[in-house]
Structure formats: C-alpha cells, structure tokens
Amino acid sequence: MRYVDAAGMSLDDYPRPSVAVDTAVLTVEHRELCVLLVQAPEAEPSTGWRLPGTFLHPGETLADAVARSLRDKAGVEGLRPEQLHVFDDPGRDDRGWVLSVAHLDVVRADRVPVRTGQRLVPVAGVPDLPFDHGAIIGFAVGAIRDRYGGAPDPFGLVDTAEPDGSFTLRELRLVHEAVAGHRLQPDSFRRMMRGLLEDTGRMGVGRRGKPAELYRRRGE
C-alpha cells in the first residue's frame, strides 16, 4: 500500500536534498594542530583545497561513504571517523540542495601519509574553502579542544619512544598545547593531570634534559 501522509502526499512528492559526507582528519605536526585537505583534480595548483568528502551512493551507509572518500580522495585507510554534526543550510552548496553529515577523526601524523594533491594545514591558517568546510573545521576543532580540556590525550597523539606508550608530562603537555593553540602553564597542567594518570615507576631516558617520570592514562 502506498504511504500517504496527513497532507495527502507520498514520500515521492517531497523534494529531497542530496546527502554528502565530509571528514575533518586532525593531527599534530610540528607542534601544531593540523587538518588534512585534498585538492579537486581539476583545480589549479594553488586552489581547489577542501575536506575529503563525497556524495552518498544508493544503498551505502554513511560510514561506508566516509571510508570510500578517505581512500579515494586522500589515500587513507583504517580510520574510524565519528559523526560530528549535520550542516544543513540550504544555501551551503552552490551546486544545489546538499546537506553534509560531517565526521571527525583525530590520529597521529604517521597515519596520514601526505601525497600529491593533499596537505596538512595548521588549523590557525586554513585558507578560504568552498561550501562551509571552514565551519566544519571550526566545529571539529572545538570538539577536540573540549575533550582535551578534561582528559589526558584522549586520542593518543603523544609521539613517545616508549614501547608501552608511556610518556613524560612534558610530552603530554606539548600535545595539549598544540591542540589548545596556546602555551599551558607547566605547574598548573601537572596538577590537573596527575590525578588522571598512573605513574609507571620508571624514568624516561634518551631525551633532552634530566630523566623524567613516565606515566600512562589510567586504565590502560
């Protein structure tokens, strides 16, 4: 039986937007929070930069579309982005009525191999981007900063030489400073984080300066 709503209209009677997915892949490189941008194939060398994204195909889940866009547009596989926000301004895309289900993933830089047609850009220096990709990046940065404000490196960005993943408080603070976008007072940071960390009882060696205590996140 054909469905008809209270206004006497079927689903086919309503105009439908196209659905896209766009993903903000954030990382820390050279002590700066960066985002992965890709270039449209037809663009000039200095233009056409945007977030990796694609339109949802028939029969495809959002997660499948995200994985396809990262693989095909950026050569990145193995990530598990989470849904971030729906951007649904009817005028956001000059090609037509398109809503975007934005996604976010935060990974170490070695998980994002940079090749021709893509680059990591500091979030503080993102150029003008098409559609509302600048707003998506801003939303993603706000989300990760909220998480780092109350937990020690929740996405595992600390680049440590320790096989068990333990780290010094300085290494942890440098990552949090990169995410926050400003310097953090060392003593205040230590007091805030000490109750959230486990002391391994070992000292880090092979670093500049005197050996420092090694920590891990509680429960790891």
N, C-alpha and C. Protein backbone atom coordinates (compact mmCIF):
# COMPACT_ATOMS: atom_id res chain seq x y z
N MET A 1 0.84 -1.20 0.00
CA MET A 1 0.00 0.00 0.00
C MET A 1 0.88 1.25 0.00
N ARG A 2 0.56 2.19 -0.85
CA ARG A 2 1.35 3.42 -0.98
C ARG A 2 1.11 4.32 0.23
N TYR A 3 2.21 4.76 0.85
CA TYR A 3 2.10 5.63 2.02
C TYR A 3 1.68 7.04 1.60
N VAL A 4 0.74 7.60 2.35
CA VAL A 4 0.30 8.99 2.15
C VAL A 4 0.19 9.62 3.52
N ASP A 5 0.76 10.83 3.67
CA ASP A 5 0.72 11.48 4.98
C ASP A 5 -0.56 12.29 5.15
N ALA A 6 -0.65 13.04 6.25
CA ALA A 6 -1.87 13.78 6.57
C ALA A 6 -2.19 14.85 5.53
N ALA A 7 -1.17 15.30 4.80
CA ALA A 7 -1.39 16.30 3.75
C ALA A 7 -1.72 15.66 2.41
N GLY A 8 -1.85 14.33 2.40
CA GLY A 8 -2.17 13.64 1.16
C GLY A 8 -0.99 13.47 0.23
N MET A 9 0.23 13.56 0.76
CA MET A 9 1.44 13.49 -0.07
C MET A 9 2.22 12.21 0.26
N SER A 10 2.77 11.63 -0.79
CA SER A 10 3.64 10.46 -0.61
C SER A 10 5.08 10.93 -0.46
N LEU A 11 5.95 10.00 -0.12
CA LEU A 11 7.36 10.36 0.02
C LEU A 11 7.93 10.92 -1.28
N ASP A 12 7.48 10.39 -2.41
CA ASP A 12 7.99 10.86 -3.70
C ASP A 12 7.53 12.27 -4.04
N ASP A 13 6.52 12.77 -3.34
CA ASP A 13 6.03 14.12 -3.61
C ASP A 13 6.92 15.20 -3.00
N TYR A 14 7.76 14.82 -2.07
CA TYR A 14 8.61 15.80 -1.40
C TYR A 14 9.98 15.88 -2.09
N PRO A 15 10.47 17.10 -2.32
CA PRO A 15 11.83 17.23 -2.86
C PRO A 15 12.85 16.72 -1.86
N ARG A 16 13.92 16.15 -2.34
CA ARG A 16 14.92 15.56 -1.46
C ARG A 16 16.28 16.21 -1.69
N PRO A 17 16.98 16.50 -0.61
CA PRO A 17 18.35 17.01 -0.78
C PRO A 17 19.30 15.86 -1.11
N SER A 18 20.40 16.20 -1.75
CA SER A 18 21.50 15.25 -1.85
C SER A 18 22.20 15.19 -0.50
N VAL A 19 22.77 14.06 -0.18
CA VAL A 19 23.47 13.88 1.09
C VAL A 19 24.96 13.65 0.81
N ALA A 20 25.78 14.44 1.48
CA ALA A 20 27.23 14.29 1.34
C ALA A 20 27.83 13.98 2.71
N VAL A 21 29.05 13.47 2.69
CA VAL A 21 29.84 13.33 3.91
C VAL A 21 31.15 14.08 3.70
N ASP A 22 31.58 14.77 4.73
CA ASP A 22 32.87 15.47 4.72
C ASP A 22 33.57 15.16 6.03
N THR A 23 34.87 14.92 5.97
CA THR A 23 35.59 14.46 7.16
C THR A 23 36.75 15.38 7.49
N ALA A 24 36.77 15.85 8.73
CA ALA A 24 37.91 16.60 9.26
C ALA A 24 38.84 15.61 9.95
N VAL A 25 39.97 15.34 9.34
CA VAL A 25 41.00 14.49 9.94
C VAL A 25 42.03 15.43 10.57
N LEU A 26 42.10 15.42 11.89
CA LEU A 26 43.00 16.30 12.62
C LEU A 26 44.20 15.52 13.16
N THR A 27 45.33 16.19 13.21
CA THR A 27 46.54 15.59 13.75
C THR A 27 47.44 16.69 14.29
N VAL A 28 48.53 16.31 14.93
CA VAL A 28 49.53 17.26 15.39
C VAL A 28 50.81 17.03 14.61
N GLU A 29 51.27 18.08 13.97
CA GLU A 29 52.53 18.03 13.23
C GLU A 29 53.33 19.29 13.54
N HIS A 30 54.60 19.11 13.86
CA HIS A 30 55.47 20.24 14.23
C HIS A 30 54.83 21.09 15.33
N ARG A 31 54.24 20.41 16.30
CA ARG A 31 53.63 21.04 17.47
C ARG A 31 52.48 21.99 17.11
N GLU A 32 51.81 21.71 16.01
CA GLU A 32 50.63 22.48 15.63
C GLU A 32 49.49 21.53 15.31
N LEU A 33 48.28 21.91 15.67
CA LEU A 33 47.10 21.14 15.30
C LEU A 33 46.81 21.41 13.82
N CYS A 34 46.75 20.33 13.04
CA CYS A 34 46.60 20.45 11.59
C CYS A 34 45.39 19.66 11.11
N VAL A 35 44.90 20.03 9.93
CA VAL A 35 43.79 19.33 9.30
C VAL A 35 44.21 18.87 7.91
N LEU A 36 43.71 17.72 7.50
CA LEU A 36 44.01 17.19 6.18
C LEU A 36 43.09 17.83 5.14
N LEU A 37 43.69 18.41 4.10
CA LEU A 37 42.95 18.96 2.98
C LEU A 37 43.37 18.23 1.70
N VAL A 38 42.42 18.10 0.79
CA VAL A 38 42.70 17.49 -0.51
C VAL A 38 42.33 18.50 -1.60
N GLN A 39 42.87 18.28 -2.77
CA GLN A 39 42.65 19.20 -3.87
C GLN A 39 41.77 18.58 -4.93
N ALA A 40 40.81 19.35 -5.42
CA ALA A 40 39.97 18.86 -6.52
C ALA A 40 40.84 18.58 -7.73
N PRO A 41 40.61 17.46 -8.43
CA PRO A 41 41.51 17.07 -9.53
C PRO A 41 41.65 18.13 -10.61
N GLU A 42 40.60 18.90 -10.86
CA GLU A 42 40.63 19.87 -11.95
C GLU A 42 41.15 21.23 -11.53
N ALA A 43 41.55 21.40 -10.28
CA ALA A 43 41.92 22.71 -9.75
C ALA A 43 43.33 23.11 -10.13
N GLU A 44 43.58 24.43 -10.10
CA GLU A 44 44.92 24.96 -10.27
C GLU A 44 45.77 24.58 -9.05
N PRO A 45 47.11 24.60 -9.18
CA PRO A 45 47.96 24.16 -8.08
C PRO A 45 47.71 24.86 -6.75
N SER A 46 47.31 26.13 -6.77
CA SER A 46 47.14 26.87 -5.52
C SER A 46 45.69 26.97 -5.07
N THR A 47 44.77 26.32 -5.77
CA THR A 47 43.35 26.46 -5.45
C THR A 47 42.69 25.09 -5.32
N GLY A 48 41.40 25.12 -5.01
CA GLY A 48 40.62 23.89 -5.01
C GLY A 48 40.77 23.03 -3.78
N TRP A 49 41.30 23.57 -2.69
CA TRP A 49 41.51 22.78 -1.48
C TRP A 49 40.21 22.65 -0.71
N ARG A 50 40.00 21.49 -0.11
CA ARG A 50 38.76 21.20 0.61
C ARG A 50 38.97 19.99 1.51
N LEU A 51 37.98 19.68 2.32
CA LEU A 51 38.00 18.45 3.11
C LEU A 51 37.71 17.27 2.20
N PRO A 52 38.26 16.10 2.51
CA PRO A 52 37.88 14.91 1.75
C PRO A 52 36.40 14.59 2.00
N GLY A 53 35.67 14.42 0.93
CA GLY A 53 34.24 14.15 1.05
C GLY A 53 33.68 13.56 -0.23
N THR A 54 32.42 13.18 -0.18
CA THR A 54 31.77 12.58 -1.34
C THR A 54 30.27 12.59 -1.13
N PHE A 55 29.54 12.31 -2.18
CA PHE A 55 28.09 12.13 -2.07
C PHE A 55 27.78 10.69 -1.67
N LEU A 56 26.72 10.55 -0.92
CA LEU A 56 26.26 9.22 -0.51
C LEU A 56 25.68 8.50 -1.72
N HIS A 57 26.13 7.27 -1.95
CA HIS A 57 25.65 6.47 -3.07
C HIS A 57 24.44 5.64 -2.65
N PRO A 58 23.58 5.25 -3.61
CA PRO A 58 22.43 4.40 -3.26
C PRO A 58 22.87 3.12 -2.55
N GLY A 59 22.18 2.77 -1.48
CA GLY A 59 22.47 1.55 -0.74
C GLY A 59 23.69 1.61 0.13
N GLU A 60 24.30 2.79 0.28
CA GLU A 60 25.54 2.94 1.02
C GLU A 60 25.27 3.56 2.39
N THR A 61 25.96 3.09 3.41
CA THR A 61 25.86 3.73 4.72
C THR A 61 26.77 4.95 4.76
N LEU A 62 26.52 5.82 5.74
CA LEU A 62 27.38 6.99 5.90
C LEU A 62 28.82 6.56 6.18
N ALA A 63 29.00 5.56 7.03
CA ALA A 63 30.35 5.10 7.36
C ALA A 63 31.07 4.57 6.12
N ASP A 64 30.34 3.86 5.26
CA ASP A 64 30.96 3.35 4.03
C ASP A 64 31.36 4.50 3.11
N ALA A 65 30.53 5.53 3.03
CA ALA A 65 30.84 6.68 2.18
C ALA A 65 32.07 7.42 2.71
N VAL A 66 32.16 7.57 4.03
CA VAL A 66 33.34 8.22 4.61
C VAL A 66 34.60 7.43 4.30
N ALA A 67 34.55 6.11 4.50
CA ALA A 67 35.72 5.28 4.23
C ALA A 67 36.11 5.37 2.75
N ARG A 68 35.13 5.38 1.87
CA ARG A 68 35.42 5.47 0.43
C ARG A 68 36.06 6.81 0.09
N SER A 69 35.53 7.89 0.66
CA SER A 69 36.08 9.21 0.34
C SER A 69 37.52 9.35 0.84
N LEU A 70 37.81 8.84 2.03
CA LEU A 70 39.17 8.92 2.54
C LEU A 70 40.13 8.07 1.72
N ARG A 71 39.66 6.91 1.31
CA ARG A 71 40.50 6.02 0.49
C ARG A 71 40.75 6.63 -0.89
N ASP A 72 39.68 7.07 -1.55
CA ASP A 72 39.80 7.52 -2.94
C ASP A 72 40.34 8.94 -3.05
N LYS A 73 39.99 9.82 -2.12
CA LYS A 73 40.41 11.22 -2.22
C LYS A 73 41.74 11.49 -1.53
N ALA A 74 42.05 10.71 -0.47
CA ALA A 74 43.23 11.01 0.32
C ALA A 74 44.19 9.85 0.47
N GLY A 75 43.84 8.67 -0.02
CA GLY A 75 44.72 7.52 0.12
C GLY A 75 44.89 7.06 1.55
N VAL A 76 43.91 7.33 2.40
CA VAL A 76 43.99 7.00 3.82
C VAL A 76 42.99 5.88 4.12
N GLU A 77 43.46 4.82 4.76
CA GLU A 77 42.58 3.72 5.13
C GLU A 77 42.79 3.37 6.59
N GLY A 78 41.82 2.65 7.15
CA GLY A 78 41.95 2.16 8.51
C GLY A 78 41.49 3.12 9.58
N LEU A 79 40.94 4.27 9.21
CA LEU A 79 40.44 5.21 10.20
C LEU A 79 38.98 4.88 10.53
N ARG A 80 38.53 5.39 11.68
CA ARG A 80 37.14 5.15 12.09
C ARG A 80 36.53 6.48 12.55
N PRO A 81 36.28 7.39 11.61
CA PRO A 81 35.73 8.69 11.99
C PRO A 81 34.36 8.56 12.66
N GLU A 82 34.07 9.49 13.54
CA GLU A 82 32.78 9.54 14.21
C GLU A 82 31.96 10.69 13.65
N GLN A 83 30.64 10.55 13.71
CA GLN A 83 29.77 11.63 13.24
C GLN A 83 29.95 12.83 14.15
N LEU A 84 30.04 13.98 13.53
CA LEU A 84 30.32 15.22 14.26
C LEU A 84 29.10 16.12 14.32
N HIS A 85 28.51 16.44 13.16
CA HIS A 85 27.41 17.40 13.10
C HIS A 85 26.83 17.37 11.69
N VAL A 86 25.56 17.73 11.58
CA VAL A 86 24.92 17.85 10.26
C VAL A 86 24.87 19.32 9.88
N PHE A 87 25.44 19.64 8.74
CA PHE A 87 25.41 21.00 8.21
C PHE A 87 24.35 21.05 7.11
N ASP A 88 23.25 21.78 7.38
CA ASP A 88 22.08 21.66 6.53
C ASP A 88 21.55 22.98 6.00
N ASP A 89 22.38 24.03 6.01
CA ASP A 89 21.94 25.29 5.41
C ASP A 89 21.61 25.03 3.94
N PRO A 90 20.38 25.33 3.51
CA PRO A 90 20.01 25.04 2.12
C PRO A 90 20.91 25.72 1.09
N GLY A 91 21.58 26.81 1.47
CA GLY A 91 22.43 27.52 0.52
C GLY A 91 23.91 27.21 0.67
N ARG A 92 24.26 26.16 1.40
CA ARG A 92 25.66 25.89 1.68
C ARG A 92 26.45 25.44 0.45
N ASP A 93 25.78 24.92 -0.56
CA ASP A 93 26.45 24.38 -1.74
C ASP A 93 25.83 25.01 -2.98
N ASP A 94 26.65 25.68 -3.79
CA ASP A 94 26.10 26.36 -4.97
C ASP A 94 25.72 25.40 -6.08
N ARG A 95 25.98 24.11 -5.90
CA ARG A 95 25.59 23.13 -6.92
C ARG A 95 24.15 22.68 -6.76
N GLY A 96 23.56 22.95 -5.59
CA GLY A 96 22.19 22.52 -5.34
C GLY A 96 21.94 22.32 -3.86
N TRP A 97 20.83 21.67 -3.55
CA TRP A 97 20.45 21.45 -2.15
C TRP A 97 21.20 20.23 -1.64
N VAL A 98 22.21 20.45 -0.85
CA VAL A 98 23.07 19.37 -0.35
C VAL A 98 23.28 19.57 1.14
N LEU A 99 22.94 18.55 1.92
CA LEU A 99 23.30 18.60 3.34
C LEU A 99 24.50 17.68 3.56
N SER A 100 25.36 18.09 4.49
CA SER A 100 26.58 17.32 4.76
C SER A 100 26.54 16.76 6.17
N VAL A 101 26.80 15.46 6.29
CA VAL A 101 26.99 14.83 7.59
C VAL A 101 28.50 14.83 7.83
N ALA A 102 28.94 15.79 8.65
CA ALA A 102 30.38 15.95 8.89
C ALA A 102 30.86 14.90 9.89
N HIS A 103 32.09 14.44 9.68
CA HIS A 103 32.71 13.45 10.55
C HIS A 103 34.05 13.97 11.03
N LEU A 104 34.54 13.35 12.10
CA LEU A 104 35.80 13.76 12.72
C LEU A 104 36.62 12.53 13.08
N ASP A 105 37.92 12.60 12.78
CA ASP A 105 38.85 11.63 13.34
C ASP A 105 40.12 12.38 13.72
N VAL A 106 40.77 11.91 14.77
CA VAL A 106 41.98 12.53 15.29
C VAL A 106 43.02 11.43 15.41
N VAL A 107 44.10 11.53 14.65
CA VAL A 107 45.09 10.46 14.58
C VAL A 107 46.49 11.05 14.57
N ARG A 108 47.48 10.23 14.86
CA ARG A 108 48.86 10.68 14.74
C ARG A 108 49.21 10.90 13.28
N ALA A 109 50.18 11.79 13.06
CA ALA A 109 50.51 12.19 11.70
C ALA A 109 50.99 11.03 10.83
N ASP A 110 51.58 10.01 11.45
CA ASP A 110 52.05 8.89 10.63
C ASP A 110 50.91 8.04 10.08
N ARG A 111 49.67 8.29 10.55
CA ARG A 111 48.50 7.61 9.99
C ARG A 111 47.96 8.33 8.76
N VAL A 112 48.53 9.49 8.44
CA VAL A 112 48.02 10.29 7.33
C VAL A 112 49.15 10.53 6.34
N PRO A 113 49.44 9.58 5.48
CA PRO A 113 50.52 9.76 4.51
C PRO A 113 50.16 10.85 3.50
N VAL A 114 50.99 11.89 3.44
CA VAL A 114 50.72 13.01 2.54
C VAL A 114 51.31 12.71 1.17
N ARG A 115 50.50 12.91 0.16
CA ARG A 115 50.94 12.66 -1.22
C ARG A 115 50.53 13.85 -2.08
N THR A 116 50.80 13.77 -3.38
CA THR A 116 50.43 14.84 -4.29
C THR A 116 48.92 15.08 -4.24
N GLY A 117 48.54 16.33 -4.16
CA GLY A 117 47.13 16.66 -4.13
C GLY A 117 46.51 16.67 -2.75
N GLN A 118 47.34 16.62 -1.72
CA GLN A 118 46.82 16.72 -0.37
C GLN A 118 47.90 17.33 0.53
N ARG A 119 47.48 17.90 1.65
CA ARG A 119 48.43 18.51 2.56
C ARG A 119 47.81 18.65 3.94
N LEU A 120 48.70 18.74 4.92
CA LEU A 120 48.29 19.03 6.29
C LEU A 120 48.48 20.52 6.52
N VAL A 121 47.42 21.19 6.95
CA VAL A 121 47.44 22.64 7.12
C VAL A 121 47.13 22.98 8.58
N PRO A 122 47.95 23.83 9.21
CA PRO A 122 47.61 24.25 10.58
C PRO A 122 46.20 24.86 10.63
N VAL A 123 45.43 24.49 11.64
CA VAL A 123 44.06 24.97 11.71
C VAL A 123 44.01 26.48 11.89
N ALA A 124 45.10 27.06 12.40
CA ALA A 124 45.13 28.51 12.56
C ALA A 124 45.36 29.23 11.24
N GLY A 125 45.71 28.51 10.19
CA GLY A 125 45.98 29.13 8.90
C GLY A 125 45.25 28.50 7.74
N VAL A 126 44.05 27.99 8.01
CA VAL A 126 43.27 27.36 6.94
C VAL A 126 42.84 28.42 5.93
N PRO A 127 43.06 28.19 4.64
CA PRO A 127 42.65 29.18 3.63
C PRO A 127 41.13 29.17 3.44
N ASP A 128 40.65 30.09 2.63
CA ASP A 128 39.23 30.07 2.29
C ASP A 128 38.91 28.76 1.56
N LEU A 129 37.85 28.09 2.01
CA LEU A 129 37.48 26.79 1.44
C LEU A 129 36.07 26.87 0.87
N PRO A 130 35.76 26.00 -0.09
CA PRO A 130 34.41 26.02 -0.66
C PRO A 130 33.37 25.47 0.32
N PHE A 131 32.11 25.67 -0.07
CA PHE A 131 30.98 25.20 0.73
C PHE A 131 31.11 25.79 2.13
N ASP A 132 30.91 25.01 3.17
CA ASP A 132 31.13 25.51 4.53
C ASP A 132 32.19 24.68 5.24
N HIS A 133 33.20 24.27 4.48
CA HIS A 133 34.24 23.42 5.06
C HIS A 133 35.03 24.14 6.16
N GLY A 134 35.15 25.46 6.07
CA GLY A 134 35.78 26.20 7.15
C GLY A 134 35.00 26.08 8.44
N ALA A 135 33.68 26.13 8.34
CA ALA A 135 32.83 25.99 9.52
C ALA A 135 32.92 24.57 10.09
N ILE A 136 33.02 23.58 9.21
CA ILE A 136 33.16 22.19 9.68
C ILE A 136 34.46 22.04 10.46
N ILE A 137 35.54 22.61 9.93
CA ILE A 137 36.83 22.53 10.63
C ILE A 137 36.73 23.22 11.99
N GLY A 138 36.10 24.40 12.03
CA GLY A 138 35.94 25.10 13.29
C GLY A 138 35.15 24.29 14.30
N PHE A 139 34.11 23.62 13.86
CA PHE A 139 33.31 22.78 14.75
C PHE A 139 34.14 21.61 15.25
N ALA A 140 34.94 21.01 14.35
CA ALA A 140 35.78 19.87 14.73
C ALA A 140 36.85 20.29 15.74
N VAL A 141 37.46 21.43 15.53
CA VAL A 141 38.48 21.91 16.45
C VAL A 141 37.88 22.17 17.83
N GLY A 142 36.69 22.77 17.86
CA GLY A 142 36.03 22.99 19.14
C GLY A 142 35.75 21.69 19.87
N ALA A 143 35.35 20.67 19.12
CA ALA A 143 35.04 19.37 19.73
C ALA A 143 36.28 18.73 20.33
N ILE A 144 37.39 18.75 19.61
CA ILE A 144 38.60 18.11 20.14
C ILE A 144 39.16 18.91 21.32
N ARG A 145 39.06 20.23 21.27
CA ARG A 145 39.55 21.03 22.39
C ARG A 145 38.73 20.78 23.65
N ASP A 146 37.44 20.58 23.50
CA ASP A 146 36.62 20.24 24.66
C ASP A 146 37.10 18.94 25.31
N ARG A 147 37.43 17.96 24.48
CA ARG A 147 37.85 16.66 25.02
C ARG A 147 39.22 16.75 25.69
N TYR A 148 40.12 17.50 25.08
CA TYR A 148 41.45 17.62 25.66
C TYR A 148 41.46 18.52 26.88
N GLY A 149 40.42 19.30 27.08
CA GLY A 149 40.36 20.14 28.25
C GLY A 149 40.15 19.38 29.54
N GLY A 150 39.63 18.15 29.45
CA GLY A 150 39.33 17.41 30.67
C GLY A 150 39.89 16.02 30.74
N ALA A 151 40.74 15.63 29.78
CA ALA A 151 41.30 14.27 29.78
C ALA A 151 42.69 14.30 29.18
N PRO A 152 43.58 13.41 29.62
CA PRO A 152 44.94 13.36 29.08
C PRO A 152 44.98 12.67 27.72
N ASP A 153 45.24 13.44 26.70
CA ASP A 153 45.45 12.93 25.34
C ASP A 153 44.47 11.82 24.96
N PRO A 154 43.16 12.12 24.93
CA PRO A 154 42.18 11.06 24.69
C PRO A 154 42.30 10.38 23.32
N PHE A 155 42.96 11.01 22.36
CA PHE A 155 43.09 10.41 21.03
C PHE A 155 44.47 9.80 20.79
N GLY A 156 45.34 9.79 21.80
CA GLY A 156 46.63 9.14 21.67
C GLY A 156 47.58 9.80 20.69
N LEU A 157 47.69 11.12 20.75
CA LEU A 157 48.56 11.85 19.83
C LEU A 157 50.00 11.96 20.30
N VAL A 158 50.27 11.65 21.57
CA VAL A 158 51.64 11.78 22.07
C VAL A 158 52.58 10.87 21.28
N ASP A 159 53.63 11.46 20.74
CA ASP A 159 54.63 10.70 19.99
C ASP A 159 55.73 10.30 20.95
N THR A 160 55.63 9.12 21.52
CA THR A 160 56.58 8.67 22.54
C THR A 160 57.46 7.56 22.00
N ALA A 161 58.67 7.51 22.54
CA ALA A 161 59.60 6.45 22.14
C ALA A 161 59.43 5.20 22.98
N GLU A 162 58.58 5.23 23.99
CA GLU A 162 58.42 4.09 24.89
C GLU A 162 57.57 3.00 24.23
N PRO A 163 58.03 1.75 24.24
CA PRO A 163 57.27 0.66 23.61
C PRO A 163 55.87 0.48 24.19
N ASP A 164 55.70 0.79 25.48
CA ASP A 164 54.39 0.59 26.10
C ASP A 164 53.49 1.82 25.98
N GLY A 165 53.95 2.84 25.26
CA GLY A 165 53.12 4.02 25.06
C GLY A 165 53.14 5.02 26.19
N SER A 166 53.95 4.78 27.23
CA SER A 166 54.02 5.73 28.34
C SER A 166 54.74 7.00 27.88
N PHE A 167 54.58 8.06 28.65
CA PHE A 167 55.08 9.37 28.22
C PHE A 167 55.43 10.22 29.44
N THR A 168 56.20 11.26 29.20
CA THR A 168 56.51 12.21 30.26
C THR A 168 55.42 13.28 30.29
N LEU A 169 55.35 14.00 31.39
CA LEU A 169 54.38 15.08 31.48
C LEU A 169 54.68 16.18 30.48
N ARG A 170 55.94 16.39 30.18
CA ARG A 170 56.28 17.40 29.17
C ARG A 170 55.77 16.99 27.80
N GLU A 171 55.97 15.73 27.43
CA GLU A 171 55.45 15.26 26.14
C GLU A 171 53.94 15.41 26.06
N LEU A 172 53.28 15.08 27.16
CA LEU A 172 51.82 15.23 27.21
C LEU A 172 51.42 16.69 27.08
N ARG A 173 52.11 17.55 27.80
CA ARG A 173 51.76 18.98 27.76
C ARG A 173 51.95 19.57 26.37
N LEU A 174 53.00 19.18 25.67
CA LEU A 174 53.23 19.73 24.33
C LEU A 174 52.09 19.37 23.38
N VAL A 175 51.54 18.17 23.50
CA VAL A 175 50.40 17.79 22.67
C VAL A 175 49.18 18.62 23.05
N HIS A 176 48.94 18.78 24.34
CA HIS A 176 47.79 19.57 24.77
C HIS A 176 47.94 21.04 24.35
N GLU A 177 49.15 21.56 24.35
CA GLU A 177 49.37 22.92 23.88
C GLU A 177 49.08 23.04 22.39
N ALA A 178 49.48 22.03 21.61
CA ALA A 178 49.20 22.06 20.17
C ALA A 178 47.70 22.06 19.92
N VAL A 179 46.96 21.24 20.66
CA VAL A 179 45.51 21.19 20.49
C VAL A 179 44.87 22.50 20.94
N ALA A 180 45.30 23.02 22.07
CA ALA A 180 44.71 24.25 22.61
C ALA A 180 45.06 25.47 21.76
N GLY A 181 46.21 25.43 21.11
CA GLY A 181 46.63 26.57 20.31
C GLY A 181 47.34 27.65 21.10
N HIS A 182 47.75 27.34 22.32
CA HIS A 182 48.48 28.32 23.13
C HIS A 182 49.26 27.57 24.22
N ARG A 183 50.20 28.27 24.85
CA ARG A 183 51.03 27.67 25.88
C ARG A 183 50.22 27.41 27.14
N LEU A 184 50.54 26.30 27.82
CA LEU A 184 49.91 25.94 29.08
C LEU A 184 50.94 26.05 30.20
N GLN A 185 50.54 26.59 31.33
CA GLN A 185 51.45 26.76 32.45
C GLN A 185 51.82 25.38 33.00
N PRO A 186 53.13 25.02 33.00
CA PRO A 186 53.52 23.65 33.37
C PRO A 186 53.03 23.19 34.73
N ASP A 187 53.15 24.03 35.75
CA ASP A 187 52.75 23.60 37.09
C ASP A 187 51.25 23.36 37.18
N SER A 188 50.47 24.23 36.58
CA SER A 188 49.01 24.06 36.59
C SER A 188 48.61 22.81 35.82
N PHE A 189 49.29 22.58 34.69
CA PHE A 189 48.99 21.40 33.88
C PHE A 189 49.32 20.13 34.66
N ARG A 190 50.45 20.13 35.36
CA ARG A 190 50.83 18.96 36.15
C ARG A 190 49.78 18.66 37.22
N ARG A 191 49.33 19.68 37.92
CA ARG A 191 48.34 19.47 38.98
C ARG A 191 47.04 18.93 38.41
N MET A 192 46.64 19.43 37.24
CA MET A 192 45.38 19.00 36.64
C MET A 192 45.45 17.55 36.17
N MET A 193 46.60 17.13 35.64
CA MET A 193 46.71 15.82 35.01
C MET A 193 47.13 14.71 35.96
N ARG A 194 47.83 15.02 37.04
CA ARG A 194 48.38 13.97 37.88
C ARG A 194 47.32 12.99 38.38
N GLY A 195 46.14 13.49 38.73
CA GLY A 195 45.09 12.59 39.21
C GLY A 195 44.46 11.74 38.14
N LEU A 196 44.75 12.04 36.86
CA LEU A 196 44.19 11.29 35.74
C LEU A 196 45.18 10.30 35.15
N LEU A 197 46.38 10.24 35.73
CA LEU A 197 47.45 9.40 35.19
C LEU A 197 47.93 8.38 36.21
N GLU A 198 48.54 7.32 35.72
CA GLU A 198 49.20 6.34 36.56
C GLU A 198 50.71 6.48 36.40
N ASP A 199 51.41 6.51 37.51
CA ASP A 199 52.87 6.55 37.50
C ASP A 199 53.39 5.15 37.20
N THR A 200 54.23 5.00 36.18
CA THR A 200 54.75 3.68 35.83
C THR A 200 55.88 3.24 36.76
N GLY A 201 56.44 4.18 37.52
CA GLY A 201 57.59 3.86 38.35
C GLY A 201 58.89 3.82 37.59
N ARG A 202 58.86 4.21 36.33
CA ARG A 202 60.07 4.21 35.51
C ARG A 202 60.40 5.65 35.09
N MET A 203 61.63 5.82 34.62
CA MET A 203 62.10 7.13 34.17
C MET A 203 62.37 7.07 32.68
N GLY A 204 62.00 8.13 31.99
CA GLY A 204 62.29 8.21 30.57
C GLY A 204 63.75 8.60 30.35
N VAL A 205 64.40 7.92 29.43
CA VAL A 205 65.81 8.21 29.12
C VAL A 205 65.91 8.50 27.63
N GLY A 206 67.08 9.04 27.23
CA GLY A 206 67.29 9.33 25.82
C GLY A 206 66.60 10.61 25.38
N ARG A 207 66.14 11.42 26.32
CA ARG A 207 65.52 12.70 25.99
C ARG A 207 66.45 13.83 26.43
N ARG A 208 66.20 15.01 25.93
CA ARG A 208 66.99 16.15 26.36
C ARG A 208 66.68 16.46 27.83
N GLY A 209 67.70 16.90 28.57
CA GLY A 209 67.49 17.23 29.97
C GLY A 209 67.57 15.98 30.84
N LYS A 210 67.26 16.17 32.11
CA LYS A 210 67.37 15.06 33.05
C LYS A 210 66.22 14.07 32.85
N PRO A 211 66.42 12.79 33.22
CA PRO A 211 65.33 11.81 33.09
C PRO A 211 64.07 12.26 33.83
N ALA A 212 62.92 11.93 33.27
CA ALA A 212 61.65 12.36 33.86
C ALA A 212 60.75 11.15 34.05
N GLU A 213 59.83 11.25 35.01
CA GLU A 213 58.90 10.15 35.29
C GLU A 213 58.03 9.86 34.07
N LEU A 214 57.72 8.58 33.91
CA LEU A 214 56.85 8.13 32.82
C LEU A 214 55.48 7.81 33.37
N TYR A 215 54.45 8.19 32.61
CA TYR A 215 53.06 7.98 33.02
C TYR A 215 52.28 7.30 31.90
N ARG A 216 51.14 6.77 32.28
CA ARG A 216 50.17 6.29 31.30
C ARG A 216 48.78 6.73 31.77
N ARG A 217 47.84 6.71 30.85
CA ARG A 217 46.47 7.06 31.22
C ARG A 217 45.90 5.96 32.11
N ARG A 218 45.10 6.34 33.09
CA ARG A 218 44.51 5.36 33.99
C ARG A 218 43.67 4.36 33.21
N GLY A 219 43.80 3.08 33.61
CA GLY A 219 43.01 2.04 32.98
C GLY A 219 43.65 1.42 31.76
N GLU A 220 44.81 1.93 31.32
CA GLU A 220 45.46 1.34 30.14
C GLU A 220 46.47 0.28 30.54
